[in-house]
Amino acid sequence: NAVADGVTEDLVCSLERPGDADDLTAVERCAIDYADRFATDHLSIDDATYAALRAHFTEPEVVELGMTVAFFVGFGRLAATLDMTEELPAAFRDYSRPLTPWGEESIVVR
């Protein structure tokens, strides 16, 4: 599991503004930029975006990254439409504000 592998809430929250995070590699920044564009403005992904990815990833890795991002973005949107929030803390069931992992309440179950 991710927590056992060292993923912390602070690490997740640092992804709110990856440009400000000082502990990300160039490869991570490139992948995060692609994933962010895919989720929020997929039409901004152009030849330059793919050229940047190919500087760090092989063609099969670029395809795998794209498929993984597509799966998670799609599943997240499906979950949102199905209102799958009953297991989440109360703050994450409040649709009057954006749902982000860097909100006030922890989402990690210990």
PDB file of N, CA and C in Angstrom:
ATOM      1  N   ASN A   1       0.828  -1.178   0.000  1.00  0.00           N
ATOM      2  CA  ASN A   1       0.000   0.000   0.000  1.00  0.00           C
ATOM      3  C   ASN A   1       0.872   1.241   0.000  1.00  0.00           C
ATOM      4  N   ALA A   2       0.310   2.334  -0.431  1.00  0.00           N
ATOM      5  CA  ALA A   2       1.068   3.571  -0.627  1.00  0.00           C
ATOM      6  C   ALA A   2       1.659   4.093   0.679  1.00  0.00           C
ATOM      7  N   VAL A   3       0.903   4.005   1.775  1.00  0.00           N
ATOM      8  CA  VAL A   3       1.400   4.503   3.058  1.00  0.00           C
ATOM      9  C   VAL A   3       2.636   3.708   3.477  1.00  0.00           C
ATOM     10  N   ALA A   4       2.593   2.394   3.291  1.00  0.00           N
ATOM     11  CA  ALA A   4       3.745   1.556   3.617  1.00  0.00           C
ATOM     12  C   ALA A   4       4.946   1.879   2.734  1.00  0.00           C
ATOM     13  N   ASP A   5       4.688   2.364   1.539  1.00  0.00           N
ATOM     14  CA  ASP A   5       5.758   2.736   0.610  1.00  0.00           C
ATOM     15  C   ASP A   5       6.275   4.149   0.851  1.00  0.00           C
ATOM     16  N   GLY A   6       5.746   4.838   1.877  1.00  0.00           N
ATOM     17  CA  GLY A   6       6.255   6.153   2.222  1.00  0.00           C
ATOM     18  C   GLY A   6       5.432   7.332   1.747  1.00  0.00           C
ATOM     19  N   VAL A   7       4.266   7.089   1.151  1.00  0.00           N
ATOM     20  CA  VAL A   7       3.416   8.200   0.723  1.00  0.00           C
ATOM     21  C   VAL A   7       2.739   8.784   1.958  1.00  0.00           C
ATOM     22  N   THR A   8       2.914  10.077   2.159  1.00  0.00           N
ATOM     23  CA  THR A   8       2.331  10.755   3.314  1.00  0.00           C
ATOM     24  C   THR A   8       1.311  11.786   2.843  1.00  0.00           C
ATOM     25  N   GLU A   9       0.504  12.278   3.755  1.00  0.00           N
ATOM     26  CA  GLU A   9      -0.435  13.351   3.407  1.00  0.00           C
ATOM     27  C   GLU A   9       0.316  14.594   2.971  1.00  0.00           C
ATOM     28  N   ASP A  10       1.462  14.868   3.605  1.00  0.00           N
ATOM     29  CA  ASP A  10       2.256  16.035   3.201  1.00  0.00           C
ATOM     30  C   ASP A  10       2.715  15.902   1.756  1.00  0.00           C
ATOM     31  N   LEU A  11       3.118  14.704   1.363  1.00  0.00           N
ATOM     32  CA  LEU A  11       3.537  14.483  -0.024  1.00  0.00           C
ATOM     33  C   LEU A  11       2.373  14.719  -0.979  1.00  0.00           C
ATOM     34  N   VAL A  12       1.215  14.168  -0.659  1.00  0.00           N
ATOM     35  CA  VAL A  12       0.045  14.369  -1.513  1.00  0.00           C
ATOM     36  C   VAL A  12      -0.312  15.841  -1.585  1.00  0.00           C
ATOM     37  N   CYS A  13      -0.286  16.512  -0.463  1.00  0.00           N
ATOM     38  CA  CYS A  13      -0.646  17.930  -0.441  1.00  0.00           C
ATOM     39  C   CYS A  13       0.370  18.782  -1.199  1.00  0.00           C
ATOM     40  N   SER A  14       1.615  18.343  -1.276  1.00  0.00           N
ATOM     41  CA  SER A  14       2.610  19.107  -2.035  1.00  0.00           C
ATOM     42  C   SER A  14       2.270  19.108  -3.517  1.00  0.00           C
ATOM     43  N   LEU A  15       1.433  18.205  -3.955  1.00  0.00           N
ATOM     44  CA  LEU A  15       1.061  18.125  -5.363  1.00  0.00           C
ATOM     45  C   LEU A  15       0.006  19.153  -5.746  1.00  0.00           C
ATOM     46  N   GLU A  16      -0.535  19.879  -4.753  1.00  0.00           N
ATOM     47  CA  GLU A  16      -1.488  20.940  -5.068  1.00  0.00           C
ATOM     48  C   GLU A  16      -0.823  21.977  -5.973  1.00  0.00           C
ATOM     49  N   ARG A  17       0.438  22.273  -5.694  1.00  0.00           N
ATOM     50  CA  ARG A  17       1.214  23.219  -6.496  1.00  0.00           C
ATOM     51  C   ARG A  17       2.568  22.578  -6.800  1.00  0.00           C
ATOM     52  N   PRO A  18       2.594  21.639  -7.744  1.00  0.00           N
ATOM     53  CA  PRO A  18       3.845  20.916  -7.994  1.00  0.00           C
ATOM     54  C   PRO A  18       4.991  21.822  -8.432  1.00  0.00           C
ATOM     55  N   GLY A  19       4.684  22.949  -9.034  1.00  0.00           N
ATOM     56  CA  GLY A  19       5.742  23.877  -9.418  1.00  0.00           C
ATOM     57  C   GLY A  19       6.488  24.438  -8.226  1.00  0.00           C
ATOM     58  N   ASP A  20       5.835  24.447  -7.061  1.00  0.00           N
ATOM     59  CA  ASP A  20       6.447  24.959  -5.836  1.00  0.00           C
ATOM     60  C   ASP A  20       7.149  23.880  -5.027  1.00  0.00           C
ATOM     61  N   ALA A  21       6.914  22.615  -5.368  1.00  0.00           N
ATOM     62  CA  ALA A  21       7.501  21.507  -4.607  1.00  0.00           C
ATOM     63  C   ALA A  21       8.975  21.377  -4.967  1.00  0.00           C
ATOM     64  N   ASP A  22       9.825  21.365  -3.942  1.00  0.00           N
ATOM     65  CA  ASP A  22      11.262  21.302  -4.209  1.00  0.00           C
ATOM     66  C   ASP A  22      11.817  19.886  -4.218  1.00  0.00           C
ATOM     67  N   ASP A  23      10.966  18.895  -3.965  1.00  0.00           N
ATOM     68  CA  ASP A  23      11.459  17.525  -3.881  1.00  0.00           C
ATOM     69  C   ASP A  23      11.014  16.648  -5.058  1.00  0.00           C
ATOM     70  N   LEU A  24      10.534  17.250  -6.138  1.00  0.00           N
ATOM     71  CA  LEU A  24      10.126  16.480  -7.304  1.00  0.00           C
ATOM     72  C   LEU A  24      11.232  16.478  -8.352  1.00  0.00           C
ATOM     73  N   THR A  25      11.418  15.325  -8.990  1.00  0.00           N
ATOM     74  CA  THR A  25      12.399  15.235 -10.069  1.00  0.00           C
ATOM     75  C   THR A  25      11.793  15.799 -11.349  1.00  0.00           C
ATOM     76  N   ALA A  26      12.627  16.007 -12.341  1.00  0.00           N
ATOM     77  CA  ALA A  26      12.145  16.486 -13.640  1.00  0.00           C
ATOM     78  C   ALA A  26      11.168  15.489 -14.252  1.00  0.00           C
ATOM     79  N   VAL A  27      11.429  14.208 -14.061  1.00  0.00           N
ATOM     80  CA  VAL A  27      10.538  13.162 -14.575  1.00  0.00           C
ATOM     81  C   VAL A  27       9.173  13.255 -13.903  1.00  0.00           C
ATOM     82  N   GLU A  28       9.172  13.417 -12.579  1.00  0.00           N
ATOM     83  CA  GLU A  28       7.912  13.537 -11.848  1.00  0.00           C
ATOM     84  C   GLU A  28       7.153  14.786 -12.255  1.00  0.00           C
ATOM     85  N   ARG A  29       7.849  15.890 -12.402  1.00  0.00           N
ATOM     86  CA  ARG A  29       7.193  17.138 -12.824  1.00  0.00           C
ATOM     87  C   ARG A  29       6.544  16.987 -14.196  1.00  0.00           C
ATOM     88  N   CYS A  30       7.238  16.325 -15.097  1.00  0.00           N
ATOM     89  CA  CYS A  30       6.722  16.121 -16.451  1.00  0.00           C
ATOM     90  C   CYS A  30       5.462  15.246 -16.413  1.00  0.00           C
ATOM     91  N   ALA A  31       5.505  14.155 -15.653  1.00  0.00           N
ATOM     92  CA  ALA A  31       4.351  13.256 -15.554  1.00  0.00           C
ATOM     93  C   ALA A  31       3.170  13.954 -14.884  1.00  0.00           C
ATOM     94  N   ILE A  32       3.433  14.744 -13.842  1.00  0.00           N
ATOM     95  CA  ILE A  32       2.371  15.459 -13.148  1.00  0.00           C
ATOM     96  C   ILE A  32       1.751  16.521 -14.055  1.00  0.00           C
ATOM     97  N   ASP A  33       2.583  17.217 -14.816  1.00  0.00           N
ATOM     98  CA  ASP A  33       2.062  18.210 -15.757  1.00  0.00           C
ATOM     99  C   ASP A  33       1.133  17.539 -16.765  1.00  0.00           C
ATOM    100  N   TYR A  34       1.551  16.413 -17.299  1.00  0.00           N
ATOM    101  CA  TYR A  34       0.723  15.681 -18.260  1.00  0.00           C
ATOM    102  C   TYR A  34      -0.603  15.248 -17.615  1.00  0.00           C
ATOM    103  N   ALA A  35      -0.519  14.660 -16.429  1.00  0.00           N
ATOM    104  CA  ALA A  35      -1.730  14.189 -15.747  1.00  0.00           C
ATOM    105  C   ALA A  35      -2.663  15.350 -15.418  1.00  0.00           C
ATOM    106  N   ASP A  36      -2.095  16.468 -14.979  1.00  0.00           N
ATOM    107  CA  ASP A  36      -2.910  17.636 -14.667  1.00  0.00           C
ATOM    108  C   ASP A  36      -3.610  18.168 -15.910  1.00  0.00           C
ATOM    109  N   ARG A  37      -2.881  18.250 -17.012  1.00  0.00           N
ATOM    110  CA  ARG A  37      -3.489  18.697 -18.271  1.00  0.00           C
ATOM    111  C   ARG A  37      -4.582  17.729 -18.709  1.00  0.00           C
ATOM    112  N   PHE A  38      -4.301  16.444 -18.589  1.00  0.00           N
ATOM    113  CA  PHE A  38      -5.261  15.419 -19.001  1.00  0.00           C
ATOM    114  C   PHE A  38      -6.563  15.574 -18.218  1.00  0.00           C
ATOM    115  N   ALA A  39      -6.441  15.846 -16.925  1.00  0.00           N
ATOM    116  CA  ALA A  39      -7.618  15.934 -16.058  1.00  0.00           C
ATOM    117  C   ALA A  39      -8.362  17.253 -16.182  1.00  0.00           C
ATOM    118  N   THR A  40      -7.635  18.333 -16.485  1.00  0.00           N
ATOM    119  CA  THR A  40      -8.265  19.652 -16.417  1.00  0.00           C
ATOM    120  C   THR A  40      -8.382  20.388 -17.743  1.00  0.00           C
ATOM    121  N   ASP A  41      -7.514  20.071 -18.698  1.00  0.00           N
ATOM    122  CA  ASP A  41      -7.517  20.786 -19.981  1.00  0.00           C
ATOM    123  C   ASP A  41      -6.860  19.902 -21.045  1.00  0.00           C
ATOM    124  N   HIS A  42      -7.485  18.779 -21.324  1.00  0.00           N
ATOM    125  CA  HIS A  42      -6.869  17.779 -22.199  1.00  0.00           C
ATOM    126  C   HIS A  42      -6.549  18.320 -23.593  1.00  0.00           C
ATOM    127  N   LEU A  43      -7.254  19.328 -24.037  1.00  0.00           N
ATOM    128  CA  LEU A  43      -6.968  19.883 -25.361  1.00  0.00           C
ATOM    129  C   LEU A  43      -5.674  20.703 -25.390  1.00  0.00           C
ATOM    130  N   SER A  44      -5.088  20.965 -24.224  1.00  0.00           N
ATOM    131  CA  SER A  44      -3.801  21.665 -24.184  1.00  0.00           C
ATOM    132  C   SER A  44      -2.636  20.702 -24.411  1.00  0.00           C
ATOM    133  N   ILE A  45      -2.906  19.411 -24.421  1.00  0.00           N
ATOM    134  CA  ILE A  45      -1.852  18.426 -24.679  1.00  0.00           C
ATOM    135  C   ILE A  45      -1.555  18.438 -26.170  1.00  0.00           C
ATOM    136  N   ASP A  46      -0.310  18.794 -26.488  1.00  0.00           N
ATOM    137  CA  ASP A  46       0.069  18.937 -27.891  1.00  0.00           C
ATOM    138  C   ASP A  46       1.371  18.184 -28.157  1.00  0.00           C
ATOM    139  N   ASP A  47       1.927  18.386 -29.330  1.00  0.00           N
ATOM    140  CA  ASP A  47       3.170  17.713 -29.697  1.00  0.00           C
ATOM    141  C   ASP A  47       4.298  18.048 -28.731  1.00  0.00           C
ATOM    142  N   ALA A  48       4.335  19.280 -28.244  1.00  0.00           N
ATOM    143  CA  ALA A  48       5.380  19.679 -27.294  1.00  0.00           C
ATOM    144  C   ALA A  48       5.250  18.916 -25.977  1.00  0.00           C
ATOM    145  N   THR A  49       4.019  18.683 -25.548  1.00  0.00           N
ATOM    146  CA  THR A  49       3.795  17.913 -24.321  1.00  0.00           C
ATOM    147  C   THR A  49       4.330  16.500 -24.488  1.00  0.00           C
ATOM    148  N   TYR A  50       4.010  15.879 -25.628  1.00  0.00           N
ATOM    149  CA  TYR A  50       4.481  14.517 -25.864  1.00  0.00           C
ATOM    150  C   TYR A  50       5.994  14.478 -26.064  1.00  0.00           C
ATOM    151  N   ALA A  51       6.565  15.505 -26.667  1.00  0.00           N
ATOM    152  CA  ALA A  51       8.021  15.560 -26.808  1.00  0.00           C
ATOM    153  C   ALA A  51       8.685  15.636 -25.433  1.00  0.00           C
ATOM    154  N   ALA A  52       8.095  16.413 -24.521  1.00  0.00           N
ATOM    155  CA  ALA A  52       8.630  16.504 -23.162  1.00  0.00           C
ATOM    156  C   ALA A  52       8.550  15.149 -22.460  1.00  0.00           C
ATOM    157  N   LEU A  53       7.436  14.437 -22.647  1.00  0.00           N
ATOM    158  CA  LEU A  53       7.305  13.106 -22.051  1.00  0.00           C
ATOM    159  C   LEU A  53       8.349  12.151 -22.618  1.00  0.00           C
ATOM    160  N   ARG A  54       8.547  12.210 -23.942  1.00  0.00           N
ATOM    161  CA  ARG A  54       9.499  11.293 -24.590  1.00  0.00           C
ATOM    162  C   ARG A  54      10.947  11.568 -24.191  1.00  0.00           C
ATOM    163  N   ALA A  55      11.205  12.726 -23.628  1.00  0.00           N
ATOM    164  CA  ALA A  55      12.551  13.012 -23.116  1.00  0.00           C
ATOM    165  C   ALA A  55      12.848  12.189 -21.864  1.00  0.00           C
ATOM    166  N   HIS A  56      11.798  11.700 -21.212  1.00  0.00           N
ATOM    167  CA  HIS A  56      11.963  10.948 -19.965  1.00  0.00           C
ATOM    168  C   HIS A  56      11.453   9.514 -20.049  1.00  0.00           C
ATOM    169  N   PHE A  57      10.530   9.255 -20.963  1.00  0.00           N
ATOM    170  CA  PHE A  57       9.861   7.956 -21.033  1.00  0.00           C
ATOM    171  C   PHE A  57       9.980   7.361 -22.433  1.00  0.00           C
ATOM    172  N   THR A  58       9.986   6.031 -22.486  1.00  0.00           N
ATOM    173  CA  THR A  58       9.929   5.358 -23.777  1.00  0.00           C
ATOM    174  C   THR A  58       8.504   5.478 -24.321  1.00  0.00           C
ATOM    175  N   GLU A  59       8.342   5.166 -25.601  1.00  0.00           N
ATOM    176  CA  GLU A  59       7.000   5.240 -26.194  1.00  0.00           C
ATOM    177  C   GLU A  59       6.002   4.333 -25.454  1.00  0.00           C
ATOM    178  N   PRO A  60       6.365   3.070 -25.148  1.00  0.00           N
ATOM    179  CA  PRO A  60       5.421   2.241 -24.379  1.00  0.00           C
ATOM    180  C   PRO A  60       5.096   2.836 -23.003  1.00  0.00           C
ATOM    181  N   GLU A  61       6.064   3.483 -22.362  1.00  0.00           N
ATOM    182  CA  GLU A  61       5.812   4.114 -21.066  1.00  0.00           C
ATOM    183  C   GLU A  61       4.879   5.310 -21.200  1.00  0.00           C
ATOM    184  N   VAL A  62       5.015   6.078 -22.273  1.00  0.00           N
ATOM    185  CA  VAL A  62       4.110   7.215 -22.523  1.00  0.00           C
ATOM    186  C   VAL A  62       2.690   6.686 -22.691  1.00  0.00           C
ATOM    187  N   VAL A  63       2.534   5.618 -23.449  1.00  0.00           N
ATOM    188  CA  VAL A  63       1.201   5.025 -23.651  1.00  0.00           C
ATOM    189  C   VAL A  63       0.653   4.504 -22.322  1.00  0.00           C
ATOM    190  N   GLU A  64       1.487   3.822 -21.549  1.00  0.00           N
ATOM    191  CA  GLU A  64       1.043   3.300 -20.251  1.00  0.00           C
ATOM    192  C   GLU A  64       0.656   4.433 -19.302  1.00  0.00           C
ATOM    193  N   LEU A  65       1.444   5.500 -19.275  1.00  0.00           N
ATOM    194  CA  LEU A  65       1.104   6.657 -18.439  1.00  0.00           C
ATOM    195  C   LEU A  65      -0.244   7.232 -18.860  1.00  0.00           C
ATOM    196  N   GLY A  66      -0.433   7.401 -20.167  1.00  0.00           N
ATOM    197  CA  GLY A  66      -1.701   7.929 -20.666  1.00  0.00           C
ATOM    198  C   GLY A  66      -2.884   7.045 -20.293  1.00  0.00           C
ATOM    199  N   MET A  67      -2.713   5.737 -20.422  1.00  0.00           N
ATOM    200  CA  MET A  67      -3.805   4.813 -20.078  1.00  0.00           C
ATOM    201  C   MET A  67      -4.093   4.842 -18.585  1.00  0.00           C
ATOM    202  N   THR A  68      -3.051   4.929 -17.778  1.00  0.00           N
ATOM    203  CA  THR A  68      -3.238   4.976 -16.321  1.00  0.00           C
ATOM    204  C   THR A  68      -3.956   6.257 -15.914  1.00  0.00           C
ATOM    205  N   VAL A  69      -3.519   7.380 -16.458  1.00  0.00           N
ATOM    206  CA  VAL A  69      -4.162   8.662 -16.153  1.00  0.00           C
ATOM    207  C   VAL A  69      -5.617   8.632 -16.609  1.00  0.00           C
ATOM    208  N   ALA A  70      -5.861   8.119 -17.808  1.00  0.00           N
ATOM    209  CA  ALA A  70      -7.232   8.043 -18.326  1.00  0.00           C
ATOM    210  C   ALA A  70      -8.111   7.193 -17.420  1.00  0.00           C
ATOM    211  N   PHE A  71      -7.585   6.082 -16.940  1.00  0.00           N
ATOM    212  CA  PHE A  71      -8.351   5.216 -16.040  1.00  0.00           C
ATOM    213  C   PHE A  71      -8.726   5.961 -14.764  1.00  0.00           C
ATOM    214  N   PHE A  72      -7.742   6.604 -14.133  1.00  0.00           N
ATOM    215  CA  PHE A  72      -8.025   7.259 -12.863  1.00  0.00           C
ATOM    216  C   PHE A  72      -8.904   8.498 -13.014  1.00  0.00           C
ATOM    217  N   VAL A  73      -8.696   9.270 -14.062  1.00  0.00           N
ATOM    218  CA  VAL A  73      -9.561  10.429 -14.289  1.00  0.00           C
ATOM    219  C   VAL A  73     -10.990   9.933 -14.549  1.00  0.00           C
ATOM    220  N   GLY A  74     -11.119   8.935 -15.397  1.00  0.00           N
ATOM    221  CA  GLY A  74     -12.443   8.391 -15.706  1.00  0.00           C
ATOM    222  C   GLY A  74     -13.115   7.788 -14.491  1.00  0.00           C
ATOM    223  N   PHE A  75     -12.379   7.018 -13.707  1.00  0.00           N
ATOM    224  CA  PHE A  75     -12.968   6.414 -12.519  1.00  0.00           C
ATOM    225  C   PHE A  75     -13.368   7.482 -11.509  1.00  0.00           C
ATOM    226  N   GLY A  76     -12.542   8.514 -11.360  1.00  0.00           N
ATOM    227  CA  GLY A  76     -12.892   9.601 -10.445  1.00  0.00           C
ATOM    228  C   GLY A  76     -14.164  10.304 -10.857  1.00  0.00           C
ATOM    229  N   ARG A  77     -14.338  10.498 -12.146  1.00  0.00           N
ATOM    230  CA  ARG A  77     -15.556  11.148 -12.633  1.00  0.00           C
ATOM    231  C   ARG A  77     -16.768  10.241 -12.458  1.00  0.00           C
ATOM    232  N   LEU A  78     -16.582   8.947 -12.701  1.00  0.00           N
ATOM    233  CA  LEU A  78     -17.674   8.002 -12.469  1.00  0.00           C
ATOM    234  C   LEU A  78     -18.066   7.999 -10.994  1.00  0.00           C
ATOM    235  N   ALA A  79     -17.078   7.922 -10.117  1.00  0.00           N
ATOM    236  CA  ALA A  79     -17.353   7.908  -8.678  1.00  0.00           C
ATOM    237  C   ALA A  79     -18.097   9.175  -8.254  1.00  0.00           C
ATOM    238  N   ALA A  80     -17.713  10.310  -8.825  1.00  0.00           N
ATOM    239  CA  ALA A  80     -18.385  11.568  -8.486  1.00  0.00           C
ATOM    240  C   ALA A  80     -19.844  11.532  -8.925  1.00  0.00           C
ATOM    241  N   THR A  81     -20.121  10.964 -10.085  1.00  0.00           N
ATOM    242  CA  THR A  81     -21.511  10.927 -10.550  1.00  0.00           C
ATOM    243  C   THR A  81     -22.346   9.940  -9.759  1.00  0.00           C
ATOM    244  N   LEU A  82     -21.698   8.940  -9.184  1.00  0.00           N
ATOM    245  CA  LEU A  82     -22.422   7.955  -8.377  1.00  0.00           C
ATOM    246  C   LEU A  82     -22.510   8.363  -6.919  1.00  0.00           C
ATOM    247  N   ASP A  83     -21.959   9.535  -6.592  1.00  0.00           N
ATOM    248  CA  ASP A  83     -21.996  10.061  -5.226  1.00  0.00           C
ATOM    249  C   ASP A  83     -21.416   9.051  -4.236  1.00  0.00           C
ATOM    250  N   MET A  84     -20.261   8.503  -4.564  1.00  0.00           N
ATOM    251  CA  MET A  84     -19.609   7.489  -3.729  1.00  0.00           C
ATOM    252  C   MET A  84     -18.778   8.148  -2.626  1.00  0.00           C
ATOM    253  N   THR A  85     -19.445   8.829  -1.712  1.00  0.00           N
ATOM    254  CA  THR A  85     -18.714   9.565  -0.677  1.00  0.00           C
ATOM    255  C   THR A  85     -19.079   9.144   0.738  1.00  0.00           C
ATOM    256  N   GLU A  86     -19.965   8.191   0.891  1.00  0.00           N
ATOM    257  CA  GLU A  86     -20.425   7.849   2.243  1.00  0.00           C
ATOM    258  C   GLU A  86     -19.309   7.346   3.158  1.00  0.00           C
ATOM    259  N   GLU A  87     -18.222   6.817   2.605  1.00  0.00           N
ATOM    260  CA  GLU A  87     -17.116   6.321   3.421  1.00  0.00           C
ATOM    261  C   GLU A  87     -16.112   7.426   3.767  1.00  0.00           C
ATOM    262  N   LEU A  88     -16.233   8.580   3.132  1.00  0.00           N
ATOM    263  CA  LEU A  88     -15.281   9.661   3.343  1.00  0.00           C
ATOM    264  C   LEU A  88     -15.658  10.501   4.557  1.00  0.00           C
ATOM    265  N   PRO A  89     -14.685  11.230   5.126  1.00  0.00           N
ATOM    266  CA  PRO A  89     -15.002  12.159   6.216  1.00  0.00           C
ATOM    267  C   PRO A  89     -16.040  13.185   5.761  1.00  0.00           C
ATOM    268  N   ALA A  90     -16.755  13.761   6.702  1.00  0.00           N
ATOM    269  CA  ALA A  90     -17.854  14.687   6.408  1.00  0.00           C
ATOM    270  C   ALA A  90     -17.426  15.839   5.501  1.00  0.00           C
ATOM    271  N   ALA A  91     -16.213  16.345   5.680  1.00  0.00           N
ATOM    272  CA  ALA A  91     -15.753  17.481   4.873  1.00  0.00           C
ATOM    273  C   ALA A  91     -15.732  17.143   3.388  1.00  0.00           C
ATOM    274  N   PHE A  92     -15.564  15.871   3.049  1.00  0.00           N
ATOM    275  CA  PHE A  92     -15.499  15.472   1.658  1.00  0.00           C
ATOM    276  C   PHE A  92     -16.884  15.190   1.071  1.00  0.00           C
ATOM    277  N   ARG A  93     -17.911  15.321   1.879  1.00  0.00           N
ATOM    278  CA  ARG A  93     -19.282  15.180   1.396  1.00  0.00           C
ATOM    279  C   ARG A  93     -19.951  16.533   1.209  1.00  0.00           C
ATOM    280  N   ASP A  94     -19.193  17.594   1.419  1.00  0.00           N
ATOM    281  CA  ASP A  94     -19.694  18.957   1.276  1.00  0.00           C
ATOM    282  C   ASP A  94     -19.383  19.437  -0.141  1.00  0.00           C
ATOM    283  N   TYR A  95     -20.409  19.479  -0.997  1.00  0.00           N
ATOM    284  CA  TYR A  95     -20.193  19.834  -2.394  1.00  0.00           C
ATOM    285  C   TYR A  95     -20.161  21.339  -2.631  1.00  0.00           C
ATOM    286  N   SER A  96     -20.219  22.131  -1.557  1.00  0.00           N
ATOM    287  CA  SER A  96     -20.175  23.579  -1.723  1.00  0.00           C
ATOM    288  C   SER A  96     -18.739  24.087  -1.912  1.00  0.00           C
ATOM    289  N   ARG A  97     -17.765  23.203  -1.735  1.00  0.00           N
ATOM    290  CA  ARG A  97     -16.366  23.584  -1.941  1.00  0.00           C
ATOM    291  C   ARG A  97     -15.684  22.503  -2.770  1.00  0.00           C
ATOM    292  N   PRO A  98     -14.567  22.852  -3.415  1.00  0.00           N
ATOM    293  CA  PRO A  98     -13.869  21.852  -4.234  1.00  0.00           C
ATOM    294  C   PRO A  98     -13.357  20.688  -3.388  1.00  0.00           C
ATOM    295  N   LEU A  99     -13.424  19.507  -3.944  1.00  0.00           N
ATOM    296  CA  LEU A  99     -12.930  18.315  -3.265  1.00  0.00           C
ATOM    297  C   LEU A  99     -11.463  18.132  -3.612  1.00  0.00           C
ATOM    298  N   THR A 100     -10.606  18.301  -2.618  1.00  0.00           N
ATOM    299  CA  THR A 100      -9.171  18.143  -2.825  1.00  0.00           C
ATOM    300  C   THR A 100      -8.568  17.397  -1.649  1.00  0.00           C
ATOM    301  N   PRO A 101      -7.468  16.670  -1.849  1.00  0.00           N
ATOM    302  CA  PRO A 101      -6.845  15.973  -0.730  1.00  0.00           C
ATOM    303  C   PRO A 101      -6.141  16.913   0.230  1.00  0.00           C
ATOM    304  N   TRP A 102      -5.976  18.182  -0.127  1.00  0.00           N
ATOM    305  CA  TRP A 102      -5.308  19.114   0.768  1.00  0.00           C
ATOM    306  C   TRP A 102      -6.315  19.940   1.562  1.00  0.00           C
ATOM    307  N   GLY A 103      -7.520  19.412   1.709  1.00  0.00           N
ATOM    308  CA  GLY A 103      -8.525  20.053   2.552  1.00  0.00           C
ATOM    309  C   GLY A 103      -8.135  19.944   4.019  1.00  0.00           C
ATOM    310  N   GLU A 104      -9.026  20.328   4.867  1.00  0.00           N
ATOM    311  CA  GLU A 104      -8.717  20.407   6.286  1.00  0.00           C
ATOM    312  C   GLU A 104      -8.678  19.065   7.004  1.00  0.00           C
ATOM    313  N   GLU A 105      -9.413  18.086   6.520  1.00  0.00           N
ATOM    314  CA  GLU A 105      -9.572  16.846   7.253  1.00  0.00           C
ATOM    315  C   GLU A 105      -8.780  15.718   6.602  1.00  0.00           C
ATOM    316  N   SER A 106      -8.191  14.865   7.422  1.00  0.00           N
ATOM    317  CA  SER A 106      -7.410  13.761   6.907  1.00  0.00           C
ATOM    318  C   SER A 106      -8.300  12.747   6.202  1.00  0.00           C
ATOM    319  N   ILE A 107      -7.800  12.167   5.118  1.00  0.00           N
ATOM    320  CA  ILE A 107      -8.534  11.095   4.452  1.00  0.00           C
ATOM    321  C   ILE A 107      -7.842   9.761   4.642  1.00  0.00           C
ATOM    322  N   VAL A 108      -6.701   9.758   5.336  1.00  0.00           N
ATOM    323  CA  VAL A 108      -5.967   8.526   5.577  1.00  0.00           C
ATOM    324  C   VAL A 108      -6.580   7.812   6.780  1.00  0.00           C
ATOM    325  N   VAL A 109      -6.924   6.542   6.560  1.00  0.00           N
ATOM    326  CA  VAL A 109      -7.472   5.726   7.648  1.00  0.00           C
ATOM    327  C   VAL A 109      -6.311   5.015   8.304  1.00  0.00           C
ATOM    328  N   ARG A 110      -6.198   5.212   9.591  1.00  0.00           N
ATOM    329  CA  ARG A 110      -5.083   4.571  10.332  1.00  0.00           C
ATOM    330  C   ARG A 110      -5.612   3.508  11.233  1.00  0.00           C
TER     331      ARG A 110
END
